Amino acid sequence: MLKQEKGQSLVEFALILPILLLLICATFDFGRVMYTYMHLNLITQEAVRMGSLGETDTTITQYAQNNFHVGDVNLLDIQITPNESQRKSGDYMTITLEYPVTYVTPFLSAIFVSPHRVITDSTIRIE
C-alpha cells in the first residue's frame, strides 16, 4: 500500500503551490497600495497646511515631490485649488495627490483595473 501512495504529497503540493503563491503576491500588492495611500495622505496633510499658512503653489509642489519616496515622482499628479492668486484668508483650499500603482501579481490586472490610482486629498481653511 505505501508504494502506491508515494507521490501523493507531491501531487497535492503541486496543486496548492500556485494558489499559495498567488495569495502571497496579492497580499504584497495590497500592502503596497495601502503603504502608498498612507504615504500620500501624510504628504497631502502637510502640504495643505503649508498652503493655509501662505506658501506658494511652487513651494507646495516642491515639498510634495521632495517627500514622495514610494515610486517615480514624475508619475505623481499634484492638484492645488484654488491657485495662489485666487486664495484669500477665510477661504478653503484643497490639495489632491494621485499616483498609479501597478500590480506585481499575475492575473490580478485582469480582475482589477491596472494601474490602481491611489488618490488622497485634504481641505483646510486659509488663515
C-alpha atoms as a PDB file:
ATOM      1  CA  MET A   1       0.000   0.000   0.000  1.00  0.00           C
ATOM      2  CA  LEU A   2       2.741   2.503   0.811  1.00  0.00           C
ATOM      3  CA  LYS A   3       4.285   2.127  -2.617  1.00  0.00           C
ATOM      4  CA  GLN A   4       1.056   3.254  -4.291  1.00  0.00           C
ATOM      5  CA  GLU A   5       0.785   6.452  -2.173  1.00  0.00           C
ATOM      6  CA  LYS A   6       4.400   7.525  -2.548  1.00  0.00           C
ATOM      7  CA  GLY A   7       3.758  10.555  -4.834  1.00  0.00           C
ATOM      8  CA  GLN A   8       0.513  11.706  -3.244  1.00  0.00           C
ATOM      9  CA  SER A   9       2.019  14.561  -1.209  1.00  0.00           C
ATOM     10  CA  LEU A  10       3.981  15.788  -4.244  1.00  0.00           C
ATOM     11  CA  VAL A  11       0.792  15.973  -6.328  1.00  0.00           C
ATOM     12  CA  GLU A  12      -1.054  17.797  -3.528  1.00  0.00           C
ATOM     13  CA  PHE A  13       1.818  20.255  -3.168  1.00  0.00           C
ATOM     14  CA  ALA A  14       1.858  20.869  -6.928  1.00  0.00           C
ATOM     15  CA  LEU A  15      -1.873  21.624  -6.859  1.00  0.00           C
ATOM     16  CA  ILE A  16      -1.696  24.004  -3.878  1.00  0.00           C
ATOM     17  CA  LEU A  17       1.546  25.852  -4.739  1.00  0.00           C
ATOM     18  CA  PRO A  18       0.118  28.172  -7.462  1.00  0.00           C
ATOM     19  CA  ILE A  19      -2.756  29.213  -5.205  1.00  0.00           C
ATOM     20  CA  LEU A  20      -0.384  29.832  -2.309  1.00  0.00           C
ATOM     21  CA  LEU A  21       1.968  31.943  -4.448  1.00  0.00           C
ATOM     22  CA  LEU A  22      -0.967  33.938  -5.836  1.00  0.00           C
ATOM     23  CA  LEU A  23      -2.175  34.712  -2.301  1.00  0.00           C
ATOM     24  CA  ILE A  24       1.298  35.792  -1.199  1.00  0.00           C
ATOM     25  CA  CYS A  25       1.725  38.108  -4.197  1.00  0.00           C
ATOM     26  CA  ALA A  26      -1.784  39.551  -3.769  1.00  0.00           C
ATOM     27  CA  THR A  27      -1.018  40.285  -0.106  1.00  0.00           C
ATOM     28  CA  PHE A  28       2.174  42.030  -1.190  1.00  0.00           C
ATOM     29  CA  ASP A  29       0.234  44.160  -3.711  1.00  0.00           C
ATOM     30  CA  PHE A  30      -2.390  45.059  -1.115  1.00  0.00           C
ATOM     31  CA  GLY A  31       0.373  46.182   1.235  1.00  0.00           C
ATOM     32  CA  ARG A  32       1.969  48.310  -1.480  1.00  0.00           C
ATOM     33  CA  VAL A  33      -1.332  50.061  -2.243  1.00  0.00           C
ATOM     34  CA  MET A  34      -2.018  50.706   1.455  1.00  0.00           C
ATOM     35  CA  TYR A  35       1.518  51.984   2.067  1.00  0.00           C
ATOM     36  CA  THR A  36       1.268  54.324  -0.918  1.00  0.00           C
ATOM     37  CA  TYR A  37      -2.094  55.624   0.302  1.00  0.00           C
ATOM     38  CA  MET A  38      -0.801  56.312   3.824  1.00  0.00           C
ATOM     39  CA  HIS A  39       2.354  57.971   2.497  1.00  0.00           C
ATOM     40  CA  LEU A  40       0.391  60.212   0.119  1.00  0.00           C
ATOM     41  CA  ASN A  41      -2.124  61.053   2.831  1.00  0.00           C
ATOM     42  CA  LEU A  42       0.609  62.338   5.159  1.00  0.00           C
ATOM     43  CA  ILE A  43       2.195  64.412   2.394  1.00  0.00           C
ATOM     44  CA  THR A  44      -1.208  65.848   1.431  1.00  0.00           C
ATOM     45  CA  GLN A  45      -1.994  66.897   5.005  1.00  0.00           C
ATOM     46  CA  GLU A  46       1.334  68.639   5.461  1.00  0.00           C
ATOM     47  CA  ALA A  47       1.184  70.297   2.031  1.00  0.00           C
ATOM     48  CA  VAL A  48      -2.308  71.687   2.607  1.00  0.00           C
ATOM     49  CA  ARG A  49      -1.171  73.031   5.973  1.00  0.00           C
ATOM     50  CA  MET A  50       1.684  74.830   4.217  1.00  0.00           C
ATOM     51  CA  GLY A  51      -0.817  76.333   1.790  1.00  0.00           C
ATOM     52  CA  SER A  52      -3.037  77.560   4.597  1.00  0.00           C
ATOM     53  CA  LEU A  53      -0.065  79.436   6.045  1.00  0.00           C
ATOM     54  CA  GLY A  54       0.535  81.322   2.777  1.00  0.00           C
ATOM     55  CA  GLU A  55       3.126  79.225   0.916  1.00  0.00           C
ATOM     56  CA  THR A  56       3.175  79.436  -2.882  1.00  0.00           C
ATOM     57  CA  ASP A  57       1.999  76.668  -5.218  1.00  0.00           C
ATOM     58  CA  THR A  58       5.587  76.141  -6.336  1.00  0.00           C
ATOM     59  CA  THR A  59       6.762  75.621  -2.756  1.00  0.00           C
ATOM     60  CA  ILE A  60       3.888  73.214  -2.027  1.00  0.00           C
ATOM     61  CA  THR A  61       4.542  71.229  -5.201  1.00  0.00           C
ATOM     62  CA  GLN A  62       8.263  71.087  -4.466  1.00  0.00           C
ATOM     63  CA  TYR A  63       7.549  69.861  -0.922  1.00  0.00           C
ATOM     64  CA  ALA A  64       5.273  67.076  -2.199  1.00  0.00           C
ATOM     65  CA  GLN A  65       7.812  65.960  -4.810  1.00  0.00           C
ATOM     66  CA  ASN A  66      10.749  66.050  -2.382  1.00  0.00           C
ATOM     67  CA  ASN A  67       8.933  63.970   0.246  1.00  0.00           C
ATOM     68  CA  PHE A  68       7.479  61.368  -2.111  1.00  0.00           C
ATOM     69  CA  HIS A  69       9.658  58.252  -1.733  1.00  0.00           C
ATOM     70  CA  VAL A  70       7.304  55.473  -2.841  1.00  0.00           C
ATOM     71  CA  GLY A  71       7.965  55.387  -6.580  1.00  0.00           C
ATOM     72  CA  ASP A  72       8.595  57.541  -9.641  1.00  0.00           C
ATOM     73  CA  VAL A  73       7.975  61.167  -8.655  1.00  0.00           C
ATOM     74  CA  ASN A  74       7.270  62.016 -12.326  1.00  0.00           C
ATOM     75  CA  LEU A  75       4.043  59.982 -12.129  1.00  0.00           C
ATOM     76  CA  LEU A  76       2.808  61.932  -9.086  1.00  0.00           C
ATOM     77  CA  ASP A  77      -0.104  64.219 -10.032  1.00  0.00           C
ATOM     78  CA  ILE A  78      -0.491  67.283  -7.791  1.00  0.00           C
ATOM     79  CA  GLN A  79      -3.600  69.469  -7.958  1.00  0.00           C
ATOM     80  CA  ILE A  80      -3.986  72.626  -5.876  1.00  0.00           C
ATOM     81  CA  THR A  81      -7.295  74.503  -5.833  1.00  0.00           C
ATOM     82  CA  PRO A  82      -7.715  77.412  -5.849  1.00  0.00           C
ATOM     83  CA  ASN A  83      -4.394  78.619  -7.196  1.00  0.00           C
ATOM     84  CA  GLU A  84      -2.317  81.065  -5.163  1.00  0.00           C
ATOM     85  CA  SER A  85      -3.605  84.192  -6.972  1.00  0.00           C
ATOM     86  CA  GLN A  86      -7.208  83.362  -6.014  1.00  0.00           C
ATOM     87  CA  ARG A  87      -6.607  82.378  -2.391  1.00  0.00           C
ATOM     88  CA  LYS A  88      -7.579  84.736   0.398  1.00  0.00           C
ATOM     89  CA  SER A  89      -7.943  84.442   4.140  1.00  0.00           C
ATOM     90  CA  GLY A  90     -11.070  82.602   5.255  1.00  0.00           C
ATOM     91  CA  ASP A  91     -11.473  80.585   2.040  1.00  0.00           C
ATOM     92  CA  TYR A  92     -10.846  76.863   1.778  1.00  0.00           C
ATOM     93  CA  MET A  93      -8.125  75.236  -0.266  1.00  0.00           C
ATOM     94  CA  THR A  94      -7.782  71.629  -1.370  1.00  0.00           C
ATOM     95  CA  ILE A  95      -4.730  69.657  -2.400  1.00  0.00           C
ATOM     96  CA  THR A  96      -5.143  66.349  -4.244  1.00  0.00           C
ATOM     97  CA  LEU A  97      -2.323  63.878  -4.871  1.00  0.00           C
ATOM     98  CA  GLU A  98      -2.747  60.965  -7.267  1.00  0.00           C
ATOM     99  CA  TYR A  99      -0.326  58.144  -8.039  1.00  0.00           C
ATOM    100  CA  PRO A 100      -0.726  54.970 -10.157  1.00  0.00           C
ATOM    101  CA  VAL A 101       0.306  51.689  -8.505  1.00  0.00           C
ATOM    102  CA  THR A 102       0.849  48.759 -10.877  1.00  0.00           C
ATOM    103  CA  TYR A 103       0.235  45.240  -9.642  1.00  0.00           C
ATOM    104  CA  VAL A 104       3.021  42.670  -9.337  1.00  0.00           C
ATOM    105  CA  THR A 105       0.635  39.737  -9.026  1.00  0.00           C
ATOM    106  CA  PRO A 106      -0.006  37.893 -12.293  1.00  0.00           C
ATOM    107  CA  PHE A 107      -3.640  37.840 -13.409  1.00  0.00           C
ATOM    108  CA  LEU A 108      -4.627  40.497 -10.838  1.00  0.00           C
ATOM    109  CA  SER A 109      -4.688  43.179 -13.526  1.00  0.00           C
ATOM    110  CA  ALA A 110      -7.239  41.067 -15.416  1.00  0.00           C
ATOM    111  CA  ILE A 111      -9.564  41.201 -12.408  1.00  0.00           C
ATOM    112  CA  PHE A 112      -8.952  44.774 -11.201  1.00  0.00           C
ATOM    113  CA  VAL A 113      -8.195  47.988 -13.077  1.00  0.00           C
ATOM    114  CA  SER A 114      -4.466  48.302 -13.517  1.00  0.00           C
ATOM    115  CA  PRO A 115      -2.728  50.518 -12.588  1.00  0.00           C
ATOM    116  CA  HIS A 116      -4.656  51.256  -9.409  1.00  0.00           C
ATOM    117  CA  ARG A 117      -4.991  55.032  -8.936  1.00  0.00           C
ATOM    118  CA  VAL A 118      -4.284  55.975  -5.323  1.00  0.00           C
ATOM    119  CA  ILE A 119      -5.916  59.352  -4.647  1.00  0.00           C
ATOM    120  CA  THR A 120      -5.702  61.425  -1.471  1.00  0.00           C
ATOM    121  CA  ASP A 121      -6.997  64.908  -0.827  1.00  0.00           C
ATOM    122  CA  SER A 122      -7.134  67.312   2.071  1.00  0.00           C
ATOM    123  CA  THR A 123      -9.017  70.582   2.586  1.00  0.00           C
ATOM    124  CA  ILE A 124      -8.224  73.340   5.060  1.00  0.00           C
ATOM    125  CA  ARG A 125      -9.294  76.885   5.776  1.00  0.00           C
ATOM    126  CA  ILE A 126      -6.724  79.531   4.827  1.00  0.00           C
ATOM    127  CA  GLU A 127      -5.502  81.591   7.764  1.00  0.00           C
END
